[in-house]
Amino acid sequence: MGESVAATYLEAHGFAIVARNWRCPYGEVDLVVQQGGRVHFVEVKTRRGRGHGLPEEALNPRKAAHLTAVAQTYLAEQGLDEVDWQIDLIAVELDPHGKLLRCEHIPNVVQSS
């Protein structure tokens, strides 16, 4: 559900969805989107309630390193070595019944290019 919420949010804010759940040997990125000439690799973190902390707290250094490797692999495979890119996070919070409480786009969560 979180990825659908994130995709809808991004489209409403002028981003074009390029790929969903793109995988390579280094891992997976939830959404690849584009706005202008910049490619955004978007990690979506969803939480029901705050028992496990805020969604954005789930992005640790190991996951950030994997996302960077995935992004670089995607760009190389697509012949986009010279394009500007960044890694963003969308934090989705739901109440215990699945009602959306928060959808927040946090740009540049991993320093990339």
PDB file of N, CA and C in Angstrom:
ATOM      1  N   MET A   1       0.816  -1.194   0.000  1.00  0.00           N
ATOM      2  CA  MET A   1       0.000   0.000   0.000  1.00  0.00           C
ATOM      3  C   MET A   1       0.861   1.259   0.000  1.00  0.00           C
ATOM      4  N   GLY A   2       1.972   1.253   0.741  1.00  0.00           N
ATOM      5  CA  GLY A   2       2.823   2.426   0.827  1.00  0.00           C
ATOM      6  C   GLY A   2       3.374   2.868  -0.513  1.00  0.00           C
ATOM      7  N   GLU A   3       3.776   1.902  -1.344  1.00  0.00           N
ATOM      8  CA  GLU A   3       4.326   2.259  -2.655  1.00  0.00           C
ATOM      9  C   GLU A   3       3.270   2.898  -3.545  1.00  0.00           C
ATOM     10  N   SER A   4       2.047   2.424  -3.477  1.00  0.00           N
ATOM     11  CA  SER A   4       0.965   3.032  -4.264  1.00  0.00           C
ATOM     12  C   SER A   4       0.688   4.455  -3.806  1.00  0.00           C
ATOM     13  N   VAL A   5       0.679   4.672  -2.491  1.00  0.00           N
ATOM     14  CA  VAL A   5       0.487   6.016  -1.940  1.00  0.00           C
ATOM     15  C   VAL A   5       1.615   6.925  -2.418  1.00  0.00           C
ATOM     16  N   ALA A   6       2.848   6.426  -2.350  1.00  0.00           N
ATOM     17  CA  ALA A   6       4.006   7.216  -2.761  1.00  0.00           C
ATOM     18  C   ALA A   6       3.953   7.553  -4.249  1.00  0.00           C
ATOM     19  N   ALA A   7       3.612   6.577  -5.079  1.00  0.00           N
ATOM     20  CA  ALA A   7       3.536   6.820  -6.522  1.00  0.00           C
ATOM     21  C   ALA A   7       2.475   7.865  -6.843  1.00  0.00           C
ATOM     22  N   THR A   8       1.327   7.767  -6.215  1.00  0.00           N
ATOM     23  CA  THR A   8       0.258   8.752  -6.430  1.00  0.00           C
ATOM     24  C   THR A   8       0.716  10.137  -6.002  1.00  0.00           C
ATOM     25  N   TYR A   9       1.373  10.226  -4.863  1.00  0.00           N
ATOM     26  CA  TYR A   9       1.889  11.496  -4.354  1.00  0.00           C
ATOM     27  C   TYR A   9       2.877  12.107  -5.350  1.00  0.00           C
ATOM     28  N   LEU A  10       3.823  11.295  -5.808  1.00  0.00           N
ATOM     29  CA  LEU A  10       4.844  11.806  -6.726  1.00  0.00           C
ATOM     30  C   LEU A  10       4.238  12.265  -8.047  1.00  0.00           C
ATOM     31  N   GLU A  11       3.325  11.481  -8.596  1.00  0.00           N
ATOM     32  CA  GLU A  11       2.668  11.883  -9.850  1.00  0.00           C
ATOM     33  C   GLU A  11       1.914  13.191  -9.670  1.00  0.00           C
ATOM     34  N   ALA A  12       1.258  13.366  -8.537  1.00  0.00           N
ATOM     35  CA  ALA A  12       0.518  14.604  -8.267  1.00  0.00           C
ATOM     36  C   ALA A  12       1.452  15.807  -8.141  1.00  0.00           C
ATOM     37  N   HIS A  13       2.725  15.540  -7.862  1.00  0.00           N
ATOM     38  CA  HIS A  13       3.706  16.614  -7.727  1.00  0.00           C
ATOM     39  C   HIS A  13       4.628  16.719  -8.945  1.00  0.00           C
ATOM     40  N   GLY A  14       4.191  16.182 -10.069  1.00  0.00           N
ATOM     41  CA  GLY A  14       4.896  16.395 -11.328  1.00  0.00           C
ATOM     42  C   GLY A  14       6.006  15.425 -11.669  1.00  0.00           C
ATOM     43  N   PHE A  15       6.104  14.329 -10.949  1.00  0.00           N
ATOM     44  CA  PHE A  15       7.112  13.315 -11.260  1.00  0.00           C
ATOM     45  C   PHE A  15       6.509  12.274 -12.199  1.00  0.00           C
ATOM     46  N   ALA A  16       7.321  11.757 -13.104  1.00  0.00           N
ATOM     47  CA  ALA A  16       6.904  10.661 -13.981  1.00  0.00           C
ATOM     48  C   ALA A  16       7.486   9.364 -13.425  1.00  0.00           C
ATOM     49  N   ILE A  17       6.644   8.358 -13.272  1.00  0.00           N
ATOM     50  CA  ILE A  17       7.105   7.054 -12.795  1.00  0.00           C
ATOM     51  C   ILE A  17       7.780   6.344 -13.964  1.00  0.00           C
ATOM     52  N   VAL A  18       9.038   5.971 -13.777  1.00  0.00           N
ATOM     53  CA  VAL A  18       9.809   5.304 -14.821  1.00  0.00           C
ATOM     54  C   VAL A  18       9.850   3.795 -14.572  1.00  0.00           C
ATOM     55  N   ALA A  19       9.991   3.398 -13.307  1.00  0.00           N
ATOM     56  CA  ALA A  19      10.055   1.970 -12.968  1.00  0.00           C
ATOM     57  C   ALA A  19       9.596   1.770 -11.529  1.00  0.00           C
ATOM     58  N   ARG A  20       9.068   0.568 -11.280  1.00  0.00           N
ATOM     59  CA  ARG A  20       8.672   0.164  -9.926  1.00  0.00           C
ATOM     60  C   ARG A  20       9.403  -1.120  -9.571  1.00  0.00           C
ATOM     61  N   ASN A  21       9.878  -1.186  -8.345  1.00  0.00           N
ATOM     62  CA  ASN A  21      10.547  -2.391  -7.839  1.00  0.00           C
ATOM     63  C   ASN A  21      11.653  -2.880  -8.775  1.00  0.00           C
ATOM     64  N   TRP A  22      12.532  -1.961  -9.169  1.00  0.00           N
ATOM     65  CA  TRP A  22      13.631  -2.302 -10.070  1.00  0.00           C
ATOM     66  C   TRP A  22      14.710  -3.040  -9.295  1.00  0.00           C
ATOM     67  N   ARG A  23      15.111  -4.205  -9.829  1.00  0.00           N
ATOM     68  CA  ARG A  23      16.064  -5.073  -9.131  1.00  0.00           C
ATOM     69  C   ARG A  23      17.338  -5.271  -9.941  1.00  0.00           C
ATOM     70  N   CYS A  24      18.413  -5.482  -9.206  1.00  0.00           N
ATOM     71  CA  CYS A  24      19.693  -5.881  -9.782  1.00  0.00           C
ATOM     72  C   CYS A  24      20.411  -6.695  -8.702  1.00  0.00           C
ATOM     73  N   PRO A  25      21.608  -7.196  -8.977  1.00  0.00           N
ATOM     74  CA  PRO A  25      22.298  -8.003  -7.959  1.00  0.00           C
ATOM     75  C   PRO A  25      22.569  -7.269  -6.636  1.00  0.00           C
ATOM     76  N   TYR A  26      22.573  -5.941  -6.643  1.00  0.00           N
ATOM     77  CA  TYR A  26      22.852  -5.182  -5.426  1.00  0.00           C
ATOM     78  C   TYR A  26      21.620  -4.953  -4.562  1.00  0.00           C
ATOM     79  N   GLY A  27      20.444  -5.202  -5.110  1.00  0.00           N
ATOM     80  CA  GLY A  27      19.222  -4.984  -4.346  1.00  0.00           C
ATOM     81  C   GLY A  27      18.108  -4.436  -5.207  1.00  0.00           C
ATOM     82  N   GLU A  28      17.220  -3.696  -4.576  1.00  0.00           N
ATOM     83  CA  GLU A  28      16.010  -3.201  -5.239  1.00  0.00           C
ATOM     84  C   GLU A  28      15.747  -1.765  -4.806  1.00  0.00           C
ATOM     85  N   VAL A  29      15.180  -1.003  -5.733  1.00  0.00           N
ATOM     86  CA  VAL A  29      14.687   0.327  -5.400  1.00  0.00           C
ATOM     87  C   VAL A  29      13.187   0.317  -5.666  1.00  0.00           C
ATOM     88  N   ASP A  30      12.422   0.921  -4.773  1.00  0.00           N
ATOM     89  CA  ASP A  30      10.963   0.864  -4.880  1.00  0.00           C
ATOM     90  C   ASP A  30      10.438   1.597  -6.103  1.00  0.00           C
ATOM     91  N   LEU A  31      10.901   2.830  -6.314  1.00  0.00           N
ATOM     92  CA  LEU A  31      10.423   3.632  -7.439  1.00  0.00           C
ATOM     93  C   LEU A  31      11.592   4.358  -8.088  1.00  0.00           C
ATOM     94  N   VAL A  32      11.579   4.388  -9.411  1.00  0.00           N
ATOM     95  CA  VAL A  32      12.478   5.254 -10.168  1.00  0.00           C
ATOM     96  C   VAL A  32      11.569   6.264 -10.845  1.00  0.00           C
ATOM     97  N   VAL A  33      11.798   7.540 -10.567  1.00  0.00           N
ATOM     98  CA  VAL A  33      10.946   8.595 -11.112  1.00  0.00           C
ATOM     99  C   VAL A  33      11.833   9.669 -11.726  1.00  0.00           C
ATOM    100  N   GLN A  34      11.202  10.493 -12.548  1.00  0.00           N
ATOM    101  CA  GLN A  34      11.948  11.559 -13.195  1.00  0.00           C
ATOM    102  C   GLN A  34      11.155  12.849 -13.134  1.00  0.00           C
ATOM    103  N   GLN A  35      11.877  13.928 -12.923  1.00  0.00           N
ATOM    104  CA  GLN A  35      11.281  15.256 -12.974  1.00  0.00           C
ATOM    105  C   GLN A  35      12.327  16.160 -13.606  1.00  0.00           C
ATOM    106  N   GLY A  36      11.944  16.802 -14.701  1.00  0.00           N
ATOM    107  CA  GLY A  36      12.934  17.567 -15.439  1.00  0.00           C
ATOM    108  C   GLY A  36      13.985  16.613 -15.961  1.00  0.00           C
ATOM    109  N   GLY A  37      15.230  16.973 -15.837  1.00  0.00           N
ATOM    110  CA  GLY A  37      16.309  16.106 -16.295  1.00  0.00           C
ATOM    111  C   GLY A  37      16.925  15.275 -15.199  1.00  0.00           C
ATOM    112  N   ARG A  38      16.323  15.233 -14.035  1.00  0.00           N
ATOM    113  CA  ARG A  38      16.891  14.528 -12.883  1.00  0.00           C
ATOM    114  C   ARG A  38      16.131  13.232 -12.615  1.00  0.00           C
ATOM    115  N   VAL A  39      16.894  12.173 -12.361  1.00  0.00           N
ATOM    116  CA  VAL A  39      16.322  10.877 -11.998  1.00  0.00           C
ATOM    117  C   VAL A  39      16.366  10.754 -10.474  1.00  0.00           C
ATOM    118  N   HIS A  40      15.247  10.339  -9.899  1.00  0.00           N
ATOM    119  CA  HIS A  40      15.127  10.148  -8.450  1.00  0.00           C
ATOM    120  C   HIS A  40      14.899   8.664  -8.176  1.00  0.00           C
ATOM    121  N   PHE A  41      15.718   8.103  -7.306  1.00  0.00           N
ATOM    122  CA  PHE A  41      15.540   6.735  -6.841  1.00  0.00           C
ATOM    123  C   PHE A  41      14.876   6.851  -5.477  1.00  0.00           C
ATOM    124  N   VAL A  42      13.674   6.293  -5.367  1.00  0.00           N
ATOM    125  CA  VAL A  42      12.849   6.547  -4.187  1.00  0.00           C
ATOM    126  C   VAL A  42      12.660   5.270  -3.374  1.00  0.00           C
ATOM    127  N   GLU A  43      13.089   5.333  -2.135  1.00  0.00           N
ATOM    128  CA  GLU A  43      12.848   4.269  -1.167  1.00  0.00           C
ATOM    129  C   GLU A  43      11.585   4.637  -0.400  1.00  0.00           C
ATOM    130  N   VAL A  44      10.640   3.717  -0.336  1.00  0.00           N
ATOM    131  CA  VAL A  44       9.386   3.959   0.379  1.00  0.00           C
ATOM    132  C   VAL A  44       9.418   3.151   1.673  1.00  0.00           C
ATOM    133  N   LYS A  45       9.205   3.830   2.780  1.00  0.00           N
ATOM    134  CA  LYS A  45       9.141   3.166   4.081  1.00  0.00           C
ATOM    135  C   LYS A  45       7.762   3.419   4.669  1.00  0.00           C
ATOM    136  N   THR A  46       7.074   2.345   5.018  1.00  0.00           N
ATOM    137  CA  THR A  46       5.704   2.430   5.524  1.00  0.00           C
ATOM    138  C   THR A  46       5.644   1.838   6.928  1.00  0.00           C
ATOM    139  N   ARG A  47       4.920   2.511   7.792  1.00  0.00           N
ATOM    140  CA  ARG A  47       4.721   2.021   9.155  1.00  0.00           C
ATOM    141  C   ARG A  47       3.257   2.180   9.553  1.00  0.00           C
ATOM    142  N   ARG A  48       2.771   1.191  10.293  1.00  0.00           N
ATOM    143  CA  ARG A  48       1.446   1.280  10.929  1.00  0.00           C
ATOM    144  C   ARG A  48       1.698   1.581  12.391  1.00  0.00           C
ATOM    145  N   GLY A  49       1.352   2.776  12.804  1.00  0.00           N
ATOM    146  CA  GLY A  49       1.623   3.178  14.179  1.00  0.00           C
ATOM    147  C   GLY A  49       3.102   3.471  14.380  1.00  0.00           C
ATOM    148  N   ARG A  50       3.469   3.822  15.596  1.00  0.00           N
ATOM    149  CA  ARG A  50       4.859   4.209  15.863  1.00  0.00           C
ATOM    150  C   ARG A  50       5.592   3.193  16.734  1.00  0.00           C
ATOM    151  N   GLY A  51       5.045   1.994  16.821  1.00  0.00           N
ATOM    152  CA  GLY A  51       5.681   0.966  17.634  1.00  0.00           C
ATOM    153  C   GLY A  51       7.082   0.608  17.176  1.00  0.00           C
ATOM    154  N   HIS A  52       7.366   0.791  15.890  1.00  0.00           N
ATOM    155  CA  HIS A  52       8.685   0.480  15.336  1.00  0.00           C
ATOM    156  C   HIS A  52       9.415   1.742  14.917  1.00  0.00           C
ATOM    157  N   GLY A  53       9.012   2.889  15.433  1.00  0.00           N
ATOM    158  CA  GLY A  53       9.670   4.146  15.090  1.00  0.00           C
ATOM    159  C   GLY A  53       9.082   4.777  13.843  1.00  0.00           C
ATOM    160  N   LEU A  54       9.661   5.890  13.467  1.00  0.00           N
ATOM    161  CA  LEU A  54       9.224   6.594  12.264  1.00  0.00           C
ATOM    162  C   LEU A  54       9.719   5.860  11.026  1.00  0.00           C
ATOM    163  N   PRO A  55       8.979   5.929   9.931  1.00  0.00           N
ATOM    164  CA  PRO A  55       9.408   5.222   8.720  1.00  0.00           C
ATOM    165  C   PRO A  55      10.810   5.617   8.269  1.00  0.00           C
ATOM    166  N   GLU A  56      11.114   6.908   8.335  1.00  0.00           N
ATOM    167  CA  GLU A  56      12.407   7.375   7.837  1.00  0.00           C
ATOM    168  C   GLU A  56      13.587   6.877   8.675  1.00  0.00           C
ATOM    169  N   GLU A  57      13.323   6.430   9.889  1.00  0.00           N
ATOM    170  CA  GLU A  57      14.390   5.901  10.739  1.00  0.00           C
ATOM    171  C   GLU A  57      14.868   4.522  10.275  1.00  0.00           C
ATOM    172  N   ALA A  58      14.140   3.910   9.362  1.00  0.00           N
ATOM    173  CA  ALA A  58      14.493   2.575   8.880  1.00  0.00           C
ATOM    174  C   ALA A  58      15.584   2.597   7.811  1.00  0.00           C
ATOM    175  N   LEU A  59      15.971   3.774   7.338  1.00  0.00           N
ATOM    176  CA  LEU A  59      17.022   3.867   6.323  1.00  0.00           C
ATOM    177  C   LEU A  59      18.377   3.953   7.028  1.00  0.00           C
ATOM    178  N   ASN A  60      19.063   2.821   7.076  1.00  0.00           N
ATOM    179  CA  ASN A  60      20.348   2.758   7.767  1.00  0.00           C
ATOM    180  C   ASN A  60      21.503   2.871   6.761  1.00  0.00           C
ATOM    181  N   PRO A  61      22.739   3.020   7.231  1.00  0.00           N
ATOM    182  CA  PRO A  61      23.874   3.171   6.311  1.00  0.00           C
ATOM    183  C   PRO A  61      24.045   2.002   5.340  1.00  0.00           C
ATOM    184  N   ARG A  62      23.764   0.791   5.794  1.00  0.00           N
ATOM    185  CA  ARG A  62      23.886  -0.375   4.900  1.00  0.00           C
ATOM    186  C   ARG A  62      22.874  -0.282   3.761  1.00  0.00           C
ATOM    187  N   LYS A  63      21.627   0.051   4.085  1.00  0.00           N
ATOM    188  CA  LYS A  63      20.591   0.201   3.063  1.00  0.00           C
ATOM    189  C   LYS A  63      20.943   1.352   2.126  1.00  0.00           C
ATOM    190  N   ALA A  64      21.477   2.434   2.661  1.00  0.00           N
ATOM    191  CA  ALA A  64      21.873   3.578   1.835  1.00  0.00           C
ATOM    192  C   ALA A  64      22.952   3.175   0.833  1.00  0.00           C
ATOM    193  N   ALA A  65      23.915   2.369   1.271  1.00  0.00           N
ATOM    194  CA  ALA A  65      24.975   1.903   0.374  1.00  0.00           C
ATOM    195  C   ALA A  65      24.402   1.020  -0.730  1.00  0.00           C
ATOM    196  N   HIS A  66      23.458   0.154  -0.380  1.00  0.00           N
ATOM    197  CA  HIS A  66      22.815  -0.696  -1.386  1.00  0.00           C
ATOM    198  C   HIS A  66      22.030   0.152  -2.386  1.00  0.00           C
ATOM    199  N   LEU A  67      21.309   1.147  -1.902  1.00  0.00           N
ATOM    200  CA  LEU A  67      20.542   2.018  -2.801  1.00  0.00           C
ATOM    201  C   LEU A  67      21.457   2.759  -3.770  1.00  0.00           C
ATOM    202  N   THR A  68      22.601   3.203  -3.286  1.00  0.00           N
ATOM    203  CA  THR A  68      23.559   3.883  -4.157  1.00  0.00           C
ATOM    204  C   THR A  68      24.057   2.938  -5.241  1.00  0.00           C
ATOM    205  N   ALA A  69      24.391   1.705  -4.874  1.00  0.00           N
ATOM    206  CA  ALA A  69      24.851   0.719  -5.857  1.00  0.00           C
ATOM    207  C   ALA A  69      23.754   0.392  -6.863  1.00  0.00           C
ATOM    208  N   VAL A  70      22.525   0.265  -6.390  1.00  0.00           N
ATOM    209  CA  VAL A  70      21.393  -0.002  -7.288  1.00  0.00           C
ATOM    210  C   VAL A  70      21.217   1.162  -8.258  1.00  0.00           C
ATOM    211  N   ALA A  71      21.262   2.382  -7.750  1.00  0.00           N
ATOM    212  CA  ALA A  71      21.092   3.565  -8.602  1.00  0.00           C
ATOM    213  C   ALA A  71      22.176   3.621  -9.670  1.00  0.00           C
ATOM    214  N   GLN A  72      23.415   3.403  -9.285  1.00  0.00           N
ATOM    215  CA  GLN A  72      24.511   3.454 -10.247  1.00  0.00           C
ATOM    216  C   GLN A  72      24.386   2.358 -11.299  1.00  0.00           C
ATOM    217  N   THR A  73      23.934   1.181 -10.891  1.00  0.00           N
ATOM    218  CA  THR A  73      23.726   0.087 -11.837  1.00  0.00           C
ATOM    219  C   THR A  73      22.610   0.430 -12.817  1.00  0.00           C
ATOM    220  N   TYR A  74      21.504   0.953 -12.306  1.00  0.00           N
ATOM    221  CA  TYR A  74      20.385   1.354 -13.166  1.00  0.00           C
ATOM    222  C   TYR A  74      20.854   2.373 -14.203  1.00  0.00           C
ATOM    223  N   LEU A  75      21.546   3.396 -13.753  1.00  0.00           N
ATOM    224  CA  LEU A  75      22.002   4.449 -14.666  1.00  0.00           C
ATOM    225  C   LEU A  75      22.935   3.887 -15.733  1.00  0.00           C
ATOM    226  N   ALA A  76      23.851   3.011 -15.343  1.00  0.00           N
ATOM    227  CA  ALA A  76      24.775   2.406 -16.304  1.00  0.00           C
ATOM    228  C   ALA A  76      24.023   1.553 -17.320  1.00  0.00           C
ATOM    229  N   GLU A  77      23.080   0.737 -16.856  1.00  0.00           N
ATOM    230  CA  GLU A  77      22.317  -0.129 -17.767  1.00  0.00           C
ATOM    231  C   GLU A  77      21.441   0.665 -18.725  1.00  0.00           C
ATOM    232  N   GLN A  78      20.985   1.830 -18.292  1.00  0.00           N
ATOM    233  CA  GLN A  78      20.116   2.656 -19.132  1.00  0.00           C
ATOM    234  C   GLN A  78      20.912   3.650 -19.981  1.00  0.00           C
ATOM    235  N   GLY A  79      22.229   3.658 -19.861  1.00  0.00           N
ATOM    236  CA  GLY A  79      23.057   4.600 -20.604  1.00  0.00           C
ATOM    237  C   GLY A  79      22.885   6.034 -20.129  1.00  0.00           C
ATOM    238  N   LEU A  80      22.636   6.199 -18.847  1.00  0.00           N
ATOM    239  CA  LEU A  80      22.379   7.521 -18.271  1.00  0.00           C
ATOM    240  C   LEU A  80      23.514   7.957 -17.339  1.00  0.00           C
ATOM    241  N   ASP A  81      24.732   7.622 -17.700  1.00  0.00           N
ATOM    242  CA  ASP A  81      25.871   7.901 -16.827  1.00  0.00           C
ATOM    243  C   ASP A  81      26.056   9.383 -16.521  1.00  0.00           C
ATOM    244  N   GLU A  82      25.608  10.248 -17.403  1.00  0.00           N
ATOM    245  CA  GLU A  82      25.844  11.687 -17.229  1.00  0.00           C
ATOM    246  C   GLU A  82      24.650  12.434 -16.636  1.00  0.00           C
ATOM    247  N   VAL A  83      23.582  11.745 -16.322  1.00  0.00           N
ATOM    248  CA  VAL A  83      22.368  12.407 -15.835  1.00  0.00           C
ATOM    249  C   VAL A  83      22.505  12.753 -14.344  1.00  0.00           C
ATOM    250  N   ASP A  84      21.863  13.840 -13.935  1.00  0.00           N
ATOM    251  CA  ASP A  84      21.796  14.181 -12.512  1.00  0.00           C
ATOM    252  C   ASP A  84      20.826  13.222 -11.826  1.00  0.00           C
ATOM    253  N   TRP A  85      21.164  12.798 -10.620  1.00  0.00           N
ATOM    254  CA  TRP A  85      20.302  11.856  -9.909  1.00  0.00           C
ATOM    255  C   TRP A  85      20.426  12.071  -8.408  1.00  0.00           C
ATOM    256  N   GLN A  86      19.453  11.518  -7.707  1.00  0.00           N
ATOM    257  CA  GLN A  86      19.470  11.586  -6.250  1.00  0.00           C
ATOM    258  C   GLN A  86      18.643  10.450  -5.687  1.00  0.00           C
ATOM    259  N   ILE A  87      18.848  10.205  -4.394  1.00  0.00           N
ATOM    260  CA  ILE A  87      18.084   9.179  -3.692  1.00  0.00           C
ATOM    261  C   ILE A  87      17.187   9.880  -2.684  1.00  0.00           C
ATOM    262  N   ASP A  88      15.890   9.610  -2.794  1.00  0.00           N
ATOM    263  CA  ASP A  88      14.880  10.216  -1.932  1.00  0.00           C
ATOM    264  C   ASP A  88      14.208   9.126  -1.099  1.00  0.00           C
ATOM    265  N   LEU A  89      13.486   9.563  -0.096  1.00  0.00           N
ATOM    266  CA  LEU A  89      12.701   8.645   0.720  1.00  0.00           C
ATOM    267  C   LEU A  89      11.291   9.200   0.841  1.00  0.00           C
ATOM    268  N   ILE A  90      10.324   8.318   0.773  1.00  0.00           N
ATOM    269  CA  ILE A  90       8.951   8.715   1.080  1.00  0.00           C
ATOM    270  C   ILE A  90       8.531   7.937   2.318  1.00  0.00           C
ATOM    271  N   ALA A  91       8.179   8.690   3.351  1.00  0.00           N
ATOM    272  CA  ALA A  91       7.728   8.118   4.615  1.00  0.00           C
ATOM    273  C   ALA A  91       6.207   8.089   4.605  1.00  0.00           C
ATOM    274  N   VAL A  92       5.650   6.893   4.763  1.00  0.00           N
ATOM    275  CA  VAL A  92       4.198   6.716   4.790  1.00  0.00           C
ATOM    276  C   VAL A  92       3.827   6.159   6.159  1.00  0.00           C
ATOM    277  N   GLU A  93       2.921   6.843   6.823  1.00  0.00           N
ATOM    278  CA  GLU A  93       2.420   6.367   8.114  1.00  0.00           C
ATOM    279  C   GLU A  93       0.927   6.105   7.995  1.00  0.00           C
ATOM    280  N   LEU A  94       0.524   4.940   8.493  1.00  0.00           N
ATOM    281  CA  LEU A  94      -0.880   4.536   8.488  1.00  0.00           C
ATOM    282  C   LEU A  94      -1.330   4.310   9.929  1.00  0.00           C
ATOM    283  N   ASP A  95      -2.616   4.511  10.161  1.00  0.00           N
ATOM    284  CA  ASP A  95      -3.128   4.152  11.484  1.00  0.00           C
ATOM    285  C   ASP A  95      -3.340   2.639  11.517  1.00  0.00           C
ATOM    286  N   PRO A  96      -3.690   2.065  12.657  1.00  0.00           N
ATOM    287  CA  PRO A  96      -3.852   0.606  12.741  1.00  0.00           C
ATOM    288  C   PRO A  96      -4.897   0.026  11.786  1.00  0.00           C
ATOM    289  N   HIS A  97      -5.791   0.883  11.274  1.00  0.00           N
ATOM    290  CA  HIS A  97      -6.832   0.416  10.354  1.00  0.00           C
ATOM    291  C   HIS A  97      -6.460   0.644   8.892  1.00  0.00           C
ATOM    292  N   GLY A  98      -5.259   1.156   8.643  1.00  0.00           N
ATOM    293  CA  GLY A  98      -4.806   1.376   7.275  1.00  0.00           C
ATOM    294  C   GLY A  98      -5.103   2.747   6.712  1.00  0.00           C
ATOM    295  N   LYS A  99      -5.633   3.648   7.529  1.00  0.00           N
ATOM    296  CA  LYS A  99      -5.922   5.007   7.066  1.00  0.00           C
ATOM    297  C   LYS A  99      -4.619   5.803   7.008  1.00  0.00           C
ATOM    298  N   LEU A 100      -4.440   6.547   5.916  1.00  0.00           N
ATOM    299  CA  LEU A 100      -3.232   7.337   5.730  1.00  0.00           C
ATOM    300  C   LEU A 100      -3.168   8.483   6.735  1.00  0.00           C
ATOM    301  N   LEU A 101      -2.072   8.545   7.474  1.00  0.00           N
ATOM    302  CA  LEU A 101      -1.838   9.634   8.418  1.00  0.00           C
ATOM    303  C   LEU A 101      -0.833  10.644   7.867  1.00  0.00           C
ATOM    304  N   ARG A 102       0.172  10.126   7.155  1.00  0.00           N
ATOM    305  CA  ARG A 102       1.231  11.008   6.660  1.00  0.00           C
ATOM    306  C   ARG A 102       1.908  10.394   5.452  1.00  0.00           C
ATOM    307  N   CYS A 103       2.184  11.237   4.472  1.00  0.00           N
ATOM    308  CA  CYS A 103       3.003  10.870   3.324  1.00  0.00           C
ATOM    309  C   CYS A 103       3.956  12.039   3.114  1.00  0.00           C
ATOM    310  N   GLU A 104       5.224  11.816   3.417  1.00  0.00           N
ATOM    311  CA  GLU A 104       6.206  12.901   3.343  1.00  0.00           C
ATOM    312  C   GLU A 104       7.357  12.520   2.424  1.00  0.00           C
ATOM    313  N   HIS A 105       7.650  13.395   1.474  1.00  0.00           N
ATOM    314  CA  HIS A 105       8.766  13.215   0.547  1.00  0.00           C
ATOM    315  C   HIS A 105       9.994  13.893   1.150  1.00  0.00           C
ATOM    316  N   ILE A 106      11.032  13.110   1.367  1.00  0.00           N
ATOM    317  CA  ILE A 106      12.275  13.630   1.930  1.00  0.00           C
ATOM    318  C   ILE A 106      13.354  13.479   0.857  1.00  0.00           C
ATOM    319  N   PRO A 107      13.716  14.579   0.192  1.00  0.00           N
ATOM    320  CA  PRO A 107      14.686  14.484  -0.902  1.00  0.00           C
ATOM    321  C   PRO A 107      16.124  14.341  -0.405  1.00  0.00           C
ATOM    322  N   ASN A 108      16.945  13.766  -1.277  1.00  0.00           N
ATOM    323  CA  ASN A 108      18.396  13.671  -1.032  1.00  0.00           C
ATOM    324  C   ASN A 108      18.755  13.053   0.313  1.00  0.00           C
ATOM    325  N   VAL A 109      18.149  11.929   0.645  1.00  0.00           N
ATOM    326  CA  VAL A 109      18.460  11.292   1.929  1.00  0.00           C
ATOM    327  C   VAL A 109      19.837  10.635   1.922  1.00  0.00           C
ATOM    328  N   VAL A 110      20.340  10.350   0.729  1.00  0.00           N
ATOM    329  CA  VAL A 110      21.685   9.805   0.571  1.00  0.00           C
ATOM    330  C   VAL A 110      22.410  10.739  -0.384  1.00  0.00           C
ATOM    331  N   GLN A 111      23.549  11.226   0.012  1.00  0.00           N
ATOM    332  CA  GLN A 111      24.311  12.112  -0.871  1.00  0.00           C
ATOM    333  C   GLN A 111      24.830  11.294  -2.041  1.00  0.00           C
ATOM    334  N   SER A 112      24.493  11.735  -3.258  1.00  0.00           N
ATOM    335  CA  SER A 112      24.831  10.937  -4.436  1.00  0.00           C
ATOM    336  C   SER A 112      25.654  11.727  -5.436  1.00  0.00           C
ATOM    337  N   SER A 113      24.993  12.635  -6.161  1.00  0.00           N
ATOM    338  CA  SER A 113      25.723  13.344  -7.214  1.00  0.00           C
ATOM    339  C   SER A 113      25.519  14.821  -7.095  1.00  0.00           C
TER     340      SER A 113
END
